[in-house]
Each structure stands twice: as structure tokens, then as C-alpha cells.
Amino acid sequence: MGRKKILIKRIDDERNRQVTFTKRKLGLMKKAYELSILCDCEIALIVFTSSQKLFQYASSDMDKILLRYTEFNEPHESKTNRDIVEDEVIWSNLLTKRAQYPN
């Protein structure tokens, strides 16, 4: 049985928001670790909370990864929250159309 889909919006209750942050932060760092191992890539993850606490994960030396990032001049993929939402809408529409008009 699948999990219930949740609405992605800010959690109003402070305690619930903190608990959710802690759980999801650990999950995010675990995913970053797994991606670095499985795909042999370097990952730098930086998180600032609304209360200005800093959390970071790096698959190797954070300073070296950030230096490499700042010196990188080639075209590359860069996404914002808006891009992710737009991608989700496009995929959702595509899947709906495929369900309506199967091969």
C-alpha cells in the first residue's frame, strides 16, 4: 500500500515543522550520500534554516567542492523551486495524457 500524498506547503505548527525538518534533513543527507557512492560523484549540500542554523554534507572536502563550483565556467543545469514545480506539472500532465490515450 502506498503512502498518502501530502500537500507541499509550509507547516504552520512550529513543533511539527521542526520534527519534519529533522526527519527530512536526515533523509536528504542519506540520499546525497547514496548518490555520491552509487554514481561516483561529488556532492555538497548546504541548508540554512529560517532561524539561521547551518547544516551541511559533503561527500569529500566541502571547501574543495565549493572552489570547484565557483571556478566552473561551463554551461550546467541549475534549478530553483519554481523550476521543480513546473517540471512536476509537466510530468503530471504527460502521465494524465498517457493514461487517457494508451498506445
C-alpha atoms as a PDB file:
ATOM      1  CA  MET A   1       0.000   0.000   0.000  1.00  0.00           C
ATOM      2  CA  GLY A   2       1.402   3.402  -0.984  1.00  0.00           C
ATOM      3  CA  ARG A   3       1.826   6.407   1.208  1.00  0.00           C
ATOM      4  CA  LYS A   4      -0.670   9.248   1.269  1.00  0.00           C
ATOM      5  CA  LYS A   5       0.380  12.155  -0.948  1.00  0.00           C
ATOM      6  CA  ILE A   6       0.950  15.292   1.100  1.00  0.00           C
ATOM      7  CA  LEU A   7       0.402  18.883   0.082  1.00  0.00           C
ATOM      8  CA  ILE A   8       3.749  20.643  -0.197  1.00  0.00           C
ATOM      9  CA  LYS A   9       3.321  23.880   1.726  1.00  0.00           C
ATOM     10  CA  ARG A  10       4.869  25.483   4.792  1.00  0.00           C
ATOM     11  CA  ILE A  11       3.989  23.679   8.028  1.00  0.00           C
ATOM     12  CA  ASP A  12       2.385  26.218  10.369  1.00  0.00           C
ATOM     13  CA  ASP A  13       2.885  24.362  13.659  1.00  0.00           C
ATOM     14  CA  GLU A  14       6.445  25.112  14.874  1.00  0.00           C
ATOM     15  CA  ARG A  15       6.987  21.780  16.645  1.00  0.00           C
ATOM     16  CA  ASN A  16       5.624  19.742  13.744  1.00  0.00           C
ATOM     17  CA  ARG A  17       7.762  21.774  11.315  1.00  0.00           C
ATOM     18  CA  GLN A  18      10.907  21.102  13.406  1.00  0.00           C
ATOM     19  CA  VAL A  19      10.203  17.359  13.633  1.00  0.00           C
ATOM     20  CA  THR A  20       9.561  17.203   9.884  1.00  0.00           C
ATOM     21  CA  PHE A  21      12.736  19.180   9.179  1.00  0.00           C
ATOM     22  CA  THR A  22      14.861  16.851  11.295  1.00  0.00           C
ATOM     23  CA  LYS A  23      13.499  13.717   9.643  1.00  0.00           C
ATOM     24  CA  ARG A  24      13.689  15.070   6.100  1.00  0.00           C
ATOM     25  CA  LYS A  25      17.155  16.554   6.634  1.00  0.00           C
ATOM     26  CA  LEU A  26      18.463  13.133   7.616  1.00  0.00           C
ATOM     27  CA  GLY A  27      16.711  11.589   4.604  1.00  0.00           C
ATOM     28  CA  LEU A  28      18.158  14.231   2.285  1.00  0.00           C
ATOM     29  CA  MET A  29      21.675  13.652   3.591  1.00  0.00           C
ATOM     30  CA  LYS A  30      21.263   9.894   3.249  1.00  0.00           C
ATOM     31  CA  LYS A  31      20.113  10.340  -0.372  1.00  0.00           C
ATOM     32  CA  ALA A  32      23.107  12.618  -1.053  1.00  0.00           C
ATOM     33  CA  TYR A  33      25.456  10.005   0.427  1.00  0.00           C
ATOM     34  CA  GLU A  34      23.878   7.212  -1.622  1.00  0.00           C
ATOM     35  CA  LEU A  35      24.034   9.267  -4.835  1.00  0.00           C
ATOM     36  CA  SER A  36      27.718  10.036  -4.247  1.00  0.00           C
ATOM     37  CA  ILE A  37      28.540   6.343  -3.769  1.00  0.00           C
ATOM     38  CA  LEU A  38      26.280   4.834  -6.451  1.00  0.00           C
ATOM     39  CA  CYS A  39      27.096   7.373  -9.163  1.00  0.00           C
ATOM     40  CA  ASP A  40      30.680   8.245  -8.192  1.00  0.00           C
ATOM     41  CA  CYS A  41      30.008  11.972  -7.915  1.00  0.00           C
ATOM     42  CA  GLU A  42      30.953  14.758  -5.539  1.00  0.00           C
ATOM     43  CA  ILE A  43      28.116  16.338  -3.598  1.00  0.00           C
ATOM     44  CA  ALA A  44      27.950  19.484  -1.486  1.00  0.00           C
ATOM     45  CA  LEU A  45      24.702  20.100   0.344  1.00  0.00           C
ATOM     46  CA  ILE A  46      24.142  23.318   2.311  1.00  0.00           C
ATOM     47  CA  VAL A  47      20.993  24.030   4.323  1.00  0.00           C
ATOM     48  CA  PHE A  48      20.204  27.228   6.227  1.00  0.00           C
ATOM     49  CA  THR A  49      17.104  27.110   8.407  1.00  0.00           C
ATOM     50  CA  SER A  50      14.783  30.064   8.881  1.00  0.00           C
ATOM     51  CA  SER A  51      16.451  30.517  12.297  1.00  0.00           C
ATOM     52  CA  GLN A  52      19.845  30.790  10.535  1.00  0.00           C
ATOM     53  CA  LYS A  53      21.212  27.414  11.624  1.00  0.00           C
ATOM     54  CA  LEU A  54      23.602  25.844   9.137  1.00  0.00           C
ATOM     55  CA  PHE A  55      23.690  22.163   8.220  1.00  0.00           C
ATOM     56  CA  GLN A  56      25.999  20.751   5.596  1.00  0.00           C
ATOM     57  CA  TYR A  57      27.003  17.485   3.989  1.00  0.00           C
ATOM     58  CA  ALA A  58      29.893  16.922   1.633  1.00  0.00           C
ATOM     59  CA  SER A  59      30.946  13.678   0.004  1.00  0.00           C
ATOM     60  CA  SER A  60      34.541  14.895   0.209  1.00  0.00           C
ATOM     61  CA  ASP A  61      36.138  18.192   1.248  1.00  0.00           C
ATOM     62  CA  MET A  62      33.438  20.914   1.230  1.00  0.00           C
ATOM     63  CA  ASP A  63      35.916  23.731   0.531  1.00  0.00           C
ATOM     64  CA  LYS A  64      37.373  21.926  -2.492  1.00  0.00           C
ATOM     65  CA  ILE A  65      33.910  21.213  -3.902  1.00  0.00           C
ATOM     66  CA  LEU A  66      32.817  24.841  -3.431  1.00  0.00           C
ATOM     67  CA  LEU A  67      36.029  26.141  -5.006  1.00  0.00           C
ATOM     68  CA  ARG A  68      35.449  23.848  -7.974  1.00  0.00           C
ATOM     69  CA  TYR A  69      31.864  25.159  -8.188  1.00  0.00           C
ATOM     70  CA  THR A  70      32.877  28.832  -8.143  1.00  0.00           C
ATOM     71  CA  GLU A  71      35.541  28.249 -10.803  1.00  0.00           C
ATOM     72  CA  PHE A  72      33.269  26.203 -13.087  1.00  0.00           C
ATOM     73  CA  ASN A  73      32.537  28.162 -16.272  1.00  0.00           C
ATOM     74  CA  GLU A  74      30.806  25.583 -18.461  1.00  0.00           C
ATOM     75  CA  PRO A  75      27.036  25.553 -19.061  1.00  0.00           C
ATOM     76  CA  HIS A  76      25.284  23.424 -16.447  1.00  0.00           C
ATOM     77  CA  GLU A  77      21.885  22.534 -15.053  1.00  0.00           C
ATOM     78  CA  SER A  78      20.624  24.858 -12.321  1.00  0.00           C
ATOM     79  CA  LYS A  79      17.159  24.609 -10.776  1.00  0.00           C
ATOM     80  CA  THR A  80      15.050  26.687  -8.413  1.00  0.00           C
ATOM     81  CA  ASN A  81      11.860  25.803  -6.538  1.00  0.00           C
ATOM     82  CA  ARG A  82       9.836  27.282  -9.406  1.00  0.00           C
ATOM     83  CA  ASP A  83      11.606  25.030 -11.928  1.00  0.00           C
ATOM     84  CA  ILE A  84      10.861  21.933  -9.841  1.00  0.00           C
ATOM     85  CA  VAL A  85       7.166  22.850  -9.571  1.00  0.00           C
ATOM     86  CA  GLU A  86       6.947  23.488 -13.316  1.00  0.00           C
ATOM     87  CA  ASP A  87       8.651  20.160 -14.070  1.00  0.00           C
ATOM     88  CA  GLU A  88       6.185  18.396 -11.762  1.00  0.00           C
ATOM     89  CA  VAL A  89       3.225  19.964 -13.586  1.00  0.00           C
ATOM     90  CA  ILE A  90       4.623  18.943 -16.981  1.00  0.00           C
ATOM     91  CA  TRP A  91       5.191  15.328 -15.851  1.00  0.00           C
ATOM     92  CA  SER A  92       1.772  15.157 -14.237  1.00  0.00           C
ATOM     93  CA  ASN A  93       0.101  16.379 -17.443  1.00  0.00           C
ATOM     94  CA  LEU A  94       2.114  13.935 -19.543  1.00  0.00           C
ATOM     95  CA  LEU A  95       1.168  10.988 -17.328  1.00  0.00           C
ATOM     96  CA  THR A  96      -2.501  12.029 -17.396  1.00  0.00           C
ATOM     97  CA  LYS A  97      -2.480  12.163 -21.209  1.00  0.00           C
ATOM     98  CA  ARG A  98      -0.760   8.782 -21.421  1.00  0.00           C
ATOM     99  CA  ALA A  99      -3.412   7.283 -19.153  1.00  0.00           C
ATOM    100  CA  GLN A 100      -6.193   8.783 -21.301  1.00  0.00           C
ATOM    101  CA  TYR A 101      -4.666   7.733 -24.612  1.00  0.00           C
ATOM    102  CA  PRO A 102      -2.732   4.483 -24.152  1.00  0.00           C
ATOM    103  CA  ASN A 103      -0.863   3.066 -27.149  1.00  0.00           C
END
